[in-house]
Structure formats: C-alpha cells, structure tokens
PDB file of N, CA and C in Angstrom:
ATOM      1  N   UNK A   1     -18.594 -11.574  -7.879  1.00  0.00           N
ATOM      2  CA  UNK A   1     -17.816 -10.371  -7.967  1.00  0.00           C
ATOM      3  C   UNK A   1     -18.390  -9.605  -8.923  1.00  0.00           C
ATOM      4  N   UNK A   2     -18.786  -9.852 -10.058  1.00  0.00           N
ATOM      5  CA  UNK A   2     -19.141  -8.870 -11.154  1.00  0.00           C
ATOM      6  C   UNK A   2     -20.596  -7.838 -10.691  1.00  0.00           C
ATOM      7  N   UNK A   3     -21.168  -8.495  -9.856  1.00  0.00           N
ATOM      8  CA  UNK A   3     -22.257  -7.592  -9.239  1.00  0.00           C
ATOM      9  C   UNK A   3     -22.015  -6.699  -8.189  1.00  0.00           C
ATOM     10  N   UNK A   4     -20.994  -6.908  -7.488  1.00  0.00           N
ATOM     11  CA  UNK A   4     -20.401  -5.962  -6.503  1.00  0.00           C
ATOM     12  C   UNK A   4     -19.236  -4.875  -7.082  1.00  0.00           C
ATOM     13  N   UNK A   5     -19.211  -5.397  -8.304  1.00  0.00           N
ATOM     14  CA  UNK A   5     -18.213  -4.246  -9.112  1.00  0.00           C
ATOM     15  C   UNK A   5     -19.212  -3.685  -9.932  1.00  0.00           C
ATOM     16  N   UNK A   6     -20.225  -3.541  -9.989  1.00  0.00           N
ATOM     17  CA  UNK A   6     -20.872  -2.649 -10.763  1.00  0.00           C
ATOM     18  C   UNK A   6     -21.432  -1.252 -10.210  1.00  0.00           C
ATOM     19  N   UNK A   7     -21.178  -0.301 -10.867  1.00  0.00           N
ATOM     20  CA  UNK A   7     -21.289   1.078 -10.261  1.00  0.00           C
ATOM     21  C   UNK A   7     -22.963   1.033  -9.828  1.00  0.00           C
ATOM     22  N   UNK A   8     -22.976   1.913  -8.588  1.00  0.00           N
ATOM     23  CA  UNK A   8     -24.252   1.880  -7.556  1.00  0.00           C
ATOM     24  C   UNK A   8     -24.985   3.346  -7.693  1.00  0.00           C
ATOM     25  N   UNK A   9     -25.789   3.787  -8.309  1.00  0.00           N
ATOM     26  CA  UNK A   9     -26.764   4.794  -7.997  1.00  0.00           C
ATOM     27  C   UNK A   9     -26.720   5.258  -6.832  1.00  0.00           C
ATOM     28  N   UNK A  10     -26.529   6.734  -6.473  1.00  0.00           N
ATOM     29  CA  UNK A  10     -26.705   7.044  -4.708  1.00  0.00           C
ATOM     30  C   UNK A  10     -27.330   8.714  -5.275  1.00  0.00           C
ATOM     31  N   UNK A  11     -28.232   8.784  -4.346  1.00  0.00           N
ATOM     32  CA  UNK A  11     -28.782   9.954  -4.291  1.00  0.00           C
ATOM     33  C   UNK A  11     -27.447  11.429  -4.412  1.00  0.00           C
ATOM     34  N   UNK A  12     -28.333  12.443  -5.645  1.00  0.00           N
ATOM     35  CA  UNK A  12     -27.261  13.799  -5.472  1.00  0.00           C
ATOM     36  C   UNK A  12     -27.688  14.744  -4.332  1.00  0.00           C
ATOM     37  N   UNK A  13     -26.464  15.449  -4.126  1.00  0.00           N
ATOM     38  CA  UNK A  13     -27.384  16.728  -3.311  1.00  0.00           C
ATOM     39  C   UNK A  13     -28.040  17.511  -4.130  1.00  0.00           C
ATOM     40  N   UNK A  14     -29.073  17.958  -3.727  1.00  0.00           N
ATOM     41  CA  UNK A  14     -30.169  18.978  -4.188  1.00  0.00           C
ATOM     42  C   UNK A  14     -29.310  19.879  -4.894  1.00  0.00           C
ATOM     43  N   UNK A  15     -28.379  20.767  -4.377  1.00  0.00           N
ATOM     44  CA  UNK A  15     -27.695  21.892  -5.108  1.00  0.00           C
ATOM     45  C   UNK A  15     -27.641  21.529  -6.582  1.00  0.00           C
ATOM     46  N   UNK A  16     -27.086  20.097  -6.625  1.00  0.00           N
ATOM     47  CA  UNK A  16     -26.302  19.799  -7.954  1.00  0.00           C
ATOM     48  C   UNK A  16     -27.274  19.203  -8.923  1.00  0.00           C
ATOM     49  N   UNK A  17     -28.815  19.504  -8.430  1.00  0.00           N
ATOM     50  CA  UNK A  17     -29.696  18.593  -9.327  1.00  0.00           C
ATOM     51  C   UNK A  17     -29.578  17.859 -10.665  1.00  0.00           C
ATOM     52  N   UNK A  18     -29.233  18.802 -11.379  1.00  0.00           N
ATOM     53  CA  UNK A  18     -29.232  17.806 -12.878  1.00  0.00           C
ATOM     54  C   UNK A  18     -28.413  16.660 -12.644  1.00  0.00           C
ATOM     55  N   UNK A  19     -27.215  16.556 -12.003  1.00  0.00           N
ATOM     56  CA  UNK A  19     -26.574  15.896 -12.168  1.00  0.00           C
ATOM     57  C   UNK A  19     -26.836  14.437 -11.180  1.00  0.00           C
ATOM     58  N   UNK A  20     -25.889  13.446 -11.824  1.00  0.00           N
ATOM     59  CA  UNK A  20     -26.121  12.032 -11.084  1.00  0.00           C
ATOM     60  C   UNK A  20     -25.098  11.400 -10.145  1.00  0.00           C
ATOM     61  N   UNK A  21     -25.101  10.887  -9.311  1.00  0.00           N
ATOM     62  CA  UNK A  21     -24.132  10.300  -8.535  1.00  0.00           C
ATOM     63  C   UNK A  21     -24.030   8.734  -8.472  1.00  0.00           C
ATOM     64  N   UNK A  22     -22.633   8.091  -8.465  1.00  0.00           N
ATOM     65  CA  UNK A  22     -22.687   6.878  -8.501  1.00  0.00           C
ATOM     66  C   UNK A  22     -21.642   6.388  -7.496  1.00  0.00           C
ATOM     67  N   UNK A  23     -21.518   5.237  -7.249  1.00  0.00           N
ATOM     68  CA  UNK A  23     -20.048   4.813  -6.360  1.00  0.00           C
ATOM     69  C   UNK A  23     -19.594   3.682  -7.264  1.00  0.00           C
ATOM     70  N   UNK A  24     -18.624   4.044  -7.665  1.00  0.00           N
ATOM     71  CA  UNK A  24     -17.580   2.617  -8.386  1.00  0.00           C
ATOM     72  C   UNK A  24     -16.950   2.188  -7.691  1.00  0.00           C
ATOM     73  N   UNK A  25     -16.610   0.726  -7.263  1.00  0.00           N
ATOM     74  CA  UNK A  25     -15.543  -0.058  -6.568  1.00  0.00           C
ATOM     75  C   UNK A  25     -14.581  -0.469  -7.370  1.00  0.00           C
ATOM     76  N   UNK A  26     -13.526   0.180  -7.185  1.00  0.00           N
ATOM     77  CA  UNK A  26     -11.977   0.089  -7.833  1.00  0.00           C
ATOM     78  C   UNK A  26     -10.986   0.048  -6.946  1.00  0.00           C
ATOM     79  N   UNK A  27     -10.237  -0.809  -6.938  1.00  0.00           N
ATOM     80  CA  UNK A  27      -8.989  -1.127  -5.989  1.00  0.00           C
ATOM     81  C   UNK A  27      -7.979  -0.113  -6.826  1.00  0.00           C
ATOM     82  N   UNK A  28      -6.962   0.616  -6.112  1.00  0.00           N
ATOM     83  CA  UNK A  28      -6.023   1.542  -6.425  1.00  0.00           C
ATOM     84  C   UNK A  28      -4.728   0.521  -6.637  1.00  0.00           C
ATOM     85  N   UNK A  29      -4.220   0.978  -7.906  1.00  0.00           N
ATOM     86  CA  UNK A  29      -3.133   0.139  -8.182  1.00  0.00           C
ATOM     87  C   UNK A  29      -1.782   0.767  -8.020  1.00  0.00           C
ATOM     88  N   UNK A  30      -1.666   1.273  -9.311  1.00  0.00           N
ATOM     89  CA  UNK A  30      -0.187   2.403  -9.357  1.00  0.00           C
ATOM     90  C   UNK A  30      -0.718   3.547  -9.048  1.00  0.00           C
ATOM     91  N   UNK A  31       0.243   4.532  -8.207  1.00  0.00           N
ATOM     92  CA  UNK A  31       1.766   3.983  -8.163  1.00  0.00           C
ATOM     93  C   UNK A  31       1.824   3.084  -6.946  1.00  0.00           C
ATOM     94  N   UNK A  32       0.674   3.296  -6.222  1.00  0.00           N
ATOM     95  CA  UNK A  32       0.803   2.767  -4.826  1.00  0.00           C
ATOM     96  C   UNK A  32       1.762   3.298  -3.614  1.00  0.00           C
ATOM     97  N   UNK A  33       2.129   2.623  -2.791  1.00  0.00           N
ATOM     98  CA  UNK A  33       2.369   3.190  -1.513  1.00  0.00           C
ATOM     99  C   UNK A  33       3.946   2.978  -1.185  1.00  0.00           C
ATOM    100  N   UNK A  34       4.701   3.812  -0.982  1.00  0.00           N
ATOM    101  CA  UNK A  34       6.098   3.495  -0.542  1.00  0.00           C
ATOM    102  C   UNK A  34       6.088   4.185   0.695  1.00  0.00           C
ATOM    103  N   UNK A  35       6.491   3.136   1.491  1.00  0.00           N
ATOM    104  CA  UNK A  35       6.601   3.351   3.284  1.00  0.00           C
ATOM    105  C   UNK A  35       7.956   3.244   3.089  1.00  0.00           C
ATOM    106  N   UNK A  36       8.462   4.094   3.788  1.00  0.00           N
ATOM    107  CA  UNK A  36       9.941   4.004   4.273  1.00  0.00           C
ATOM    108  C   UNK A  36      10.184   4.117   5.775  1.00  0.00           C
ATOM    109  N   UNK A  37      11.026   3.007   6.472  1.00  0.00           N
ATOM    110  CA  UNK A  37      10.742   2.620   7.803  1.00  0.00           C
ATOM    111  C   UNK A  37      11.533   3.497   8.454  1.00  0.00           C
ATOM    112  N   UNK A  38      11.380   3.838   9.544  1.00  0.00           N
ATOM    113  CA  UNK A  38      12.274   4.454  10.579  1.00  0.00           C
ATOM    114  C   UNK A  38      13.324   3.336  11.306  1.00  0.00           C
ATOM    115  N   UNK A  39      14.484   3.855  11.912  1.00  0.00           N
ATOM    116  CA  UNK A  39      14.831   2.464  12.891  1.00  0.00           C
ATOM    117  C   UNK A  39      14.279   2.212  13.959  1.00  0.00           C
ATOM    118  N   UNK A  40      13.844   3.500  14.700  1.00  0.00           N
ATOM    119  CA  UNK A  40      12.859   2.847  15.880  1.00  0.00           C
ATOM    120  C   UNK A  40      11.717   2.202  15.909  1.00  0.00           C
ATOM    121  N   UNK A  41      11.572   1.194  16.212  1.00  0.00           N
ATOM    122  CA  UNK A  41      10.211   0.261  16.285  1.00  0.00           C
ATOM    123  C   UNK A  41       9.885  -0.046  14.935  1.00  0.00           C
ATOM    124  N   UNK A  42      11.158  -0.602  14.225  1.00  0.00           N
ATOM    125  CA  UNK A  42      11.033  -0.849  13.070  1.00  0.00           C
ATOM    126  C   UNK A  42       9.751  -2.138  12.354  1.00  0.00           C
ATOM    127  N   UNK A  43       9.770  -3.000  13.180  1.00  0.00           N
ATOM    128  CA  UNK A  43       8.205  -3.801  12.835  1.00  0.00           C
ATOM    129  C   UNK A  43       6.894  -2.767  12.844  1.00  0.00           C
ATOM    130  N   UNK A  44       6.632  -2.365  14.089  1.00  0.00           N
ATOM    131  CA  UNK A  44       5.350  -1.885  14.084  1.00  0.00           C
ATOM    132  C   UNK A  44       5.174  -0.182  13.112  1.00  0.00           C
ATOM    133  N   UNK A  45       6.156   0.323  12.822  1.00  0.00           N
ATOM    134  CA  UNK A  45       6.238   1.387  12.340  1.00  0.00           C
ATOM    135  C   UNK A  45       6.176   1.347  10.681  1.00  0.00           C
ATOM    136  N   UNK A  46       6.880  -0.158  10.594  1.00  0.00           N
ATOM    137  CA  UNK A  46       6.328  -0.257   9.108  1.00  0.00           C
ATOM    138  C   UNK A  46       5.447  -1.375   8.512  1.00  0.00           C
ATOM    139  N   UNK A  47       5.139  -2.225   9.526  1.00  0.00           N
ATOM    140  CA  UNK A  47       3.886  -3.126   8.961  1.00  0.00           C
ATOM    141  C   UNK A  47       2.171  -2.625   9.270  1.00  0.00           C
ATOM    142  N   UNK A  48       2.496  -1.586  10.423  1.00  0.00           N
ATOM    143  CA  UNK A  48       0.729  -1.408  10.478  1.00  0.00           C
ATOM    144  C   UNK A  48       0.459  -0.297   9.160  1.00  0.00           C
ATOM    145  N   UNK A  49       1.343   0.763   8.545  1.00  0.00           N
ATOM    146  CA  UNK A  49       1.015   1.316   7.446  1.00  0.00           C
ATOM    147  C   UNK A  49       1.021   0.522   6.158  1.00  0.00           C
ATOM    148  N   UNK A  50       1.748  -0.717   6.468  1.00  0.00           N
ATOM    149  CA  UNK A  50       1.526  -1.636   5.243  1.00  0.00           C
ATOM    150  C   UNK A  50      -0.084  -2.310   4.952  1.00  0.00           C
ATOM    151  N   UNK A  51      -0.371  -2.612   6.423  1.00  0.00           N
ATOM    152  CA  UNK A  51      -1.478  -3.227   6.189  1.00  0.00           C
ATOM    153  C   UNK A  51      -2.685  -2.436   5.725  1.00  0.00           C
ATOM    154  N   UNK A  52      -2.737  -1.142   6.348  1.00  0.00           N
ATOM    155  CA  UNK A  52      -3.441  -0.320   6.137  1.00  0.00           C
ATOM    156  C   UNK A  52      -3.438   0.101   4.562  1.00  0.00           C
ATOM    157  N   UNK A  53      -2.549   0.028   3.785  1.00  0.00           N
ATOM    158  CA  UNK A  53      -2.229   0.584   2.349  1.00  0.00           C
ATOM    159  C   UNK A  53      -3.034  -1.067   1.179  1.00  0.00           C
ATOM    160  N   UNK A  54      -2.374  -2.186   2.270  1.00  0.00           N
ATOM    161  CA  UNK A  54      -2.797  -3.464   1.465  1.00  0.00           C
ATOM    162  C   UNK A  54      -4.724  -3.456   1.498  1.00  0.00           C
ATOM    163  N   UNK A  55      -5.019  -3.357   2.814  1.00  0.00           N
ATOM    164  CA  UNK A  55      -6.634  -3.194   3.048  1.00  0.00           C
ATOM    165  C   UNK A  55      -7.224  -2.317   2.048  1.00  0.00           C
ATOM    166  N   UNK A  56      -6.645  -1.111   1.494  1.00  0.00           N
ATOM    167  CA  UNK A  56      -6.935  -0.371   0.637  1.00  0.00           C
ATOM    168  C   UNK A  56      -7.148  -0.772  -0.901  1.00  0.00           C
ATOM    169  N   UNK A  57      -6.545  -1.773  -1.132  1.00  0.00           N
ATOM    170  CA  UNK A  57      -6.284  -2.138  -2.328  1.00  0.00           C
ATOM    171  C   UNK A  57      -4.921  -1.917  -3.058  1.00  0.00           C
ATOM    172  N   UNK A  58      -3.775  -0.925  -2.402  1.00  0.00           N
ATOM    173  CA  UNK A  58      -2.828  -0.779  -2.852  1.00  0.00           C
ATOM    174  C   UNK A  58      -1.432  -1.474  -2.882  1.00  0.00           C
ATOM    175  N   UNK A  59      -0.871  -1.630  -3.933  1.00  0.00           N
ATOM    176  CA  UNK A  59       0.640  -2.206  -3.841  1.00  0.00           C
ATOM    177  C   UNK A  59       1.391  -1.499  -3.006  1.00  0.00           C
ATOM    178  N   UNK A  60       2.404  -2.273  -2.266  1.00  0.00           N
ATOM    179  CA  UNK A  60       3.309  -1.465  -1.469  1.00  0.00           C
ATOM    180  C   UNK A  60       4.489  -1.906  -1.790  1.00  0.00           C
ATOM    181  N   UNK A  61       5.623  -0.664  -1.472  1.00  0.00           N
ATOM    182  CA  UNK A  61       7.253  -0.897  -1.481  1.00  0.00           C
ATOM    183  C   UNK A  61       7.197  -0.417  -0.465  1.00  0.00           C
ATOM    184  N   UNK A  62       8.092  -1.108   0.625  1.00  0.00           N
ATOM    185  CA  UNK A  62       8.860  -1.007   1.318  1.00  0.00           C
ATOM    186  C   UNK A  62      10.215  -0.882   1.869  1.00  0.00           C
ATOM    187  N   UNK A  63      10.476  -0.086   2.485  1.00  0.00           N
ATOM    188  CA  UNK A  63      12.145   0.098   2.381  1.00  0.00           C
ATOM    189  C   UNK A  63      12.474  -0.040   3.648  1.00  0.00           C
ATOM    190  N   UNK A  64      12.978  -0.877   4.390  1.00  0.00           N
ATOM    191  CA  UNK A  64      13.080  -0.580   5.752  1.00  0.00           C
ATOM    192  C   UNK A  64      14.294  -0.039   5.988  1.00  0.00           C
ATOM    193  N   UNK A  65      14.648   0.193   7.138  1.00  0.00           N
ATOM    194  CA  UNK A  65      15.980   1.156   7.732  1.00  0.00           C
ATOM    195  C   UNK A  65      16.952   0.387   7.594  1.00  0.00           C
ATOM    196  N   UNK A  66      18.448   1.027   7.151  1.00  0.00           N
ATOM    197  CA  UNK A  66      19.471   0.275   6.895  1.00  0.00           C
ATOM    198  C   UNK A  66      19.963   0.169   8.382  1.00  0.00           C
ATOM    199  N   UNK A  67      19.509   0.587   9.194  1.00  0.00           N
ATOM    200  CA  UNK A  67      19.946   0.767  10.972  1.00  0.00           C
ATOM    201  C   UNK A  67      19.328  -0.419  11.480  1.00  0.00           C
ATOM    202  N   UNK A  68      18.357  -0.828  11.248  1.00  0.00           N
ATOM    203  CA  UNK A  68      17.855  -2.176  11.977  1.00  0.00           C
ATOM    204  C   UNK A  68      18.055  -3.283  10.741  1.00  0.00           C
ATOM    205  N   UNK A  69      19.254  -3.976  10.752  1.00  0.00           N
ATOM    206  CA  UNK A  69      19.532  -4.869   9.671  1.00  0.00           C
ATOM    207  C   UNK A  69      18.863  -5.955   9.529  1.00  0.00           C
ATOM    208  N   UNK A  70      18.556  -6.201  10.972  1.00  0.00           N
ATOM    209  CA  UNK A  70      18.435  -7.471  11.270  1.00  0.00           C
ATOM    210  C   UNK A  70      17.006  -7.960  10.995  1.00  0.00           C
ATOM    211  N   UNK A  71      16.144  -6.353  11.264  1.00  0.00           N
ATOM    212  CA  UNK A  71      14.292  -6.654  10.978  1.00  0.00           C
ATOM    213  C   UNK A  71      14.390  -6.399   9.230  1.00  0.00           C
ATOM    214  N   UNK A  72      15.287  -5.475   8.857  1.00  0.00           N
ATOM    215  CA  UNK A  72      15.193  -5.681   7.342  1.00  0.00           C
ATOM    216  C   UNK A  72      15.574  -6.848   6.613  1.00  0.00           C
ATOM    217  N   UNK A  73      16.465  -7.664   7.118  1.00  0.00           N
ATOM    218  CA  UNK A  73      16.525  -8.891   6.386  1.00  0.00           C
ATOM    219  C   UNK A  73      15.812  -9.728   6.827  1.00  0.00           C
ATOM    220  N   UNK A  74      15.632  -9.843   7.929  1.00  0.00           N
ATOM    221  CA  UNK A  74      13.888 -10.876   8.308  1.00  0.00           C
ATOM    222  C   UNK A  74      12.932 -10.575   7.389  1.00  0.00           C
ATOM    223  N   UNK A  75      12.333  -9.484   7.167  1.00  0.00           N
ATOM    224  CA  UNK A  75      11.374  -9.206   6.362  1.00  0.00           C
ATOM    225  C   UNK A  75      11.593  -9.353   4.830  1.00  0.00           C
ATOM    226  N   UNK A  76      13.010  -9.025   4.138  1.00  0.00           N
ATOM    227  CA  UNK A  76      13.399  -9.319   3.155  1.00  0.00           C
ATOM    228  C   UNK A  76      13.050 -10.799   2.873  1.00  0.00           C
ATOM    229  N   UNK A  77      13.312 -11.645   4.038  1.00  0.00           N
ATOM    230  CA  UNK A  77      13.100 -13.205   3.817  1.00  0.00           C
ATOM    231  C   UNK A  77      11.770 -13.707   3.791  1.00  0.00           C
ATOM    232  N   UNK A  78      11.090 -12.995   4.520  1.00  0.00           N
ATOM    233  CA  UNK A  78       9.873 -13.455   5.336  1.00  0.00           C
ATOM    234  C   UNK A  78       8.493 -13.249   3.730  1.00  0.00           C
ATOM    235  N   UNK A  79       8.819 -11.849   3.622  1.00  0.00           N
ATOM    236  CA  UNK A  79       7.756 -11.368   2.621  1.00  0.00           C
ATOM    237  C   UNK A  79       7.560 -11.940   1.233  1.00  0.00           C
ATOM    238  N   UNK A  80       8.590 -12.348   0.679  1.00  0.00           N
ATOM    239  CA  UNK A  80       8.008 -13.095  -1.215  1.00  0.00           C
ATOM    240  C   UNK A  80       7.839 -14.147  -0.500  1.00  0.00           C
ATOM    241  N   UNK A  81       7.917 -14.996   0.582  1.00  0.00           N
ATOM    242  CA  UNK A  81       7.455 -16.276   0.892  1.00  0.00           C
ATOM    243  C   UNK A  81       5.838 -16.241   1.217  1.00  0.00           C
ATOM    244  N   UNK A  82       5.047 -15.200   1.191  1.00  0.00           N
ATOM    245  CA  UNK A  82       3.746 -14.805   1.649  1.00  0.00           C
ATOM    246  C   UNK A  82       3.149 -13.882   0.512  1.00  0.00           C
ATOM    247  N   UNK A  83       3.984 -13.077   0.123  1.00  0.00           N
ATOM    248  CA  UNK A  83       3.291 -12.102  -0.896  1.00  0.00           C
ATOM    249  C   UNK A  83       3.732 -12.142  -2.158  1.00  0.00           C
ATOM    250  N   UNK A  84       2.960 -12.050  -3.230  1.00  0.00           N
ATOM    251  CA  UNK A  84       3.478 -11.561  -4.481  1.00  0.00           C
ATOM    252  C   UNK A  84       4.414 -10.401  -4.851  1.00  0.00           C
ATOM    253  N   UNK A  85       5.141 -10.343  -5.636  1.00  0.00           N
ATOM    254  CA  UNK A  85       5.911  -9.191  -5.668  1.00  0.00           C
ATOM    255  C   UNK A  85       5.316  -7.778  -6.467  1.00  0.00           C
ATOM    256  N   UNK A  86       4.308  -8.277  -6.943  1.00  0.00           N
ATOM    257  CA  UNK A  86       3.262  -6.767  -7.804  1.00  0.00           C
ATOM    258  C   UNK A  86       2.653  -6.683  -6.578  1.00  0.00           C
ATOM    259  N   UNK A  87       2.466  -7.050  -5.355  1.00  0.00           N
ATOM    260  CA  UNK A  87       1.386  -6.686  -4.196  1.00  0.00           C
ATOM    261  C   UNK A  87       2.178  -5.910  -3.311  1.00  0.00           C
ATOM    262  N   UNK A  88       3.440  -6.465  -2.631  1.00  0.00           N
ATOM    263  CA  UNK A  88       3.740  -6.227  -1.796  1.00  0.00           C
ATOM    264  C   UNK A  88       5.655  -6.490  -1.884  1.00  0.00           C
ATOM    265  N   UNK A  89       6.633  -5.188  -2.096  1.00  0.00           N
ATOM    266  CA  UNK A  89       8.012  -5.536  -2.771  1.00  0.00           C
ATOM    267  C   UNK A  89       8.638  -4.843  -1.154  1.00  0.00           C
ATOM    268  N   UNK A  90       9.935  -5.357  -0.775  1.00  0.00           N
ATOM    269  CA  UNK A  90      10.760  -4.860  -0.359  1.00  0.00           C
ATOM    270  C   UNK A  90      12.109  -4.628  -0.659  1.00  0.00           C
ATOM    271  N   UNK A  91      12.576  -3.367  -0.502  1.00  0.00           N
ATOM    272  CA  UNK A  91      14.195  -2.904  -1.177  1.00  0.00           C
ATOM    273  C   UNK A  91      15.213  -2.761  -0.026  1.00  0.00           C
ATOM    274  N   UNK A  92      15.957  -3.325  -0.309  1.00  0.00           N
ATOM    275  CA  UNK A  92      16.704  -3.001   1.012  1.00  0.00           C
ATOM    276  C   UNK A  92      18.115  -2.273   0.808  1.00  0.00           C
ATOM    277  N   UNK A  93      18.577  -1.313   1.402  1.00  0.00           N
ATOM    278  CA  UNK A  93      19.874  -0.565   1.199  1.00  0.00           C
ATOM    279  C   UNK A  93      19.840   0.903   1.769  1.00  0.00           C
ATOM    280  N   UNK A  94      20.824   1.354   1.260  1.00  0.00           N
ATOM    281  CA  UNK A  94      21.374   2.764   2.381  1.00  0.00           C
ATOM    282  C   UNK A  94      20.570   3.627   1.719  1.00  0.00           C
ATOM    283  N   UNK A  95      21.347   5.137   1.838  1.00  0.00           N
ATOM    284  CA  UNK A  95      20.532   6.432   1.318  1.00  0.00           C
ATOM    285  C   UNK A  95      20.520   6.502  -0.282  1.00  0.00           C
ATOM    286  N   UNK A  96      21.487   5.607  -1.136  1.00  0.00           N
ATOM    287  CA  UNK A  96      21.614   5.277  -2.742  1.00  0.00           C
ATOM    288  C   UNK A  96      19.951   5.113  -2.778  1.00  0.00           C
ATOM    289  N   UNK A  97      19.758   3.887  -2.537  1.00  0.00           N
ATOM    290  CA  UNK A  97      18.705   2.889  -2.662  1.00  0.00           C
ATOM    291  C   UNK A  97      17.326   4.026  -2.145  1.00  0.00           C
ATOM    292  N   UNK A  98      17.391   4.884  -1.022  1.00  0.00           N
ATOM    293  CA  UNK A  98      16.322   5.459  -0.659  1.00  0.00           C
ATOM    294  C   UNK A  98      16.102   6.569  -1.763  1.00  0.00           C
ATOM    295  N   UNK A  99      16.859   7.262  -2.400  1.00  0.00           N
ATOM    296  CA  UNK A  99      17.003   8.206  -3.355  1.00  0.00           C
ATOM    297  C   UNK A  99      16.421   7.776  -4.310  1.00  0.00           C
ATOM    298  N   UNK A 100      16.794   6.199  -4.924  1.00  0.00           N
ATOM    299  CA  UNK A 100      16.830   6.145  -6.240  1.00  0.00           C
ATOM    300  C   UNK A 100      14.966   5.943  -6.069  1.00  0.00           C
ATOM    301  N   UNK A 101      14.361   5.327  -5.050  1.00  0.00           N
ATOM    302  CA  UNK A 101      12.941   4.986  -4.895  1.00  0.00           C
ATOM    303  C   UNK A 101      12.312   6.165  -4.909  1.00  0.00           C
TER     304      UNK A 101
END
C-alpha cells in the first residue's frame, strides 16, 4: 500500500518545460457527496450515485425522499448494518432536514 501511495513522476508537456508533473493517489475525504434522492425510482436514483461516489473514495450523505417512506426506512435500516457511518450516512426527514443539510 505504501508503494502505491507514493507520487509517480510523469512527463510534462513541452510548453511547460521547466516544470515537473507527478500523480498523487489520494482519496477525497471531506466534504464528500450529498445525494438527495427523488421520489420516482428511489432505489436506482439514489444508489447509483452512491456507488460512484464511494468508488471515487468520497464519503456519502444520502437523503432519501420523504415521499418514498418505505424505501427510506429500508435504506435507513440496512445501510448502517453494512457501512460505517463515517463512510455512508443516511438522514431521513422532510423539507426542514433537507434545508439543514
């Protein structure tokens, strides 16, 4: 892991010749991604962006739609079982909670 995290030198464009370029592998941490799910297709339109954000190394805060209360309660029950709250958190509620986020 430590060798993977080391910066790697890459060629610089000729126009920027006195400069050097390197690639640094760092996960993006904070502030993360806030995903506010719509009421139509609540599972697909919430979990596909979550998967992309987690794959990029970002923490996720998901706010499911209050109009899809069954899906919201299901996600609120299952997600803490499989994910740490610092990586993937779910907030349920209505307009005041969404405004606060």
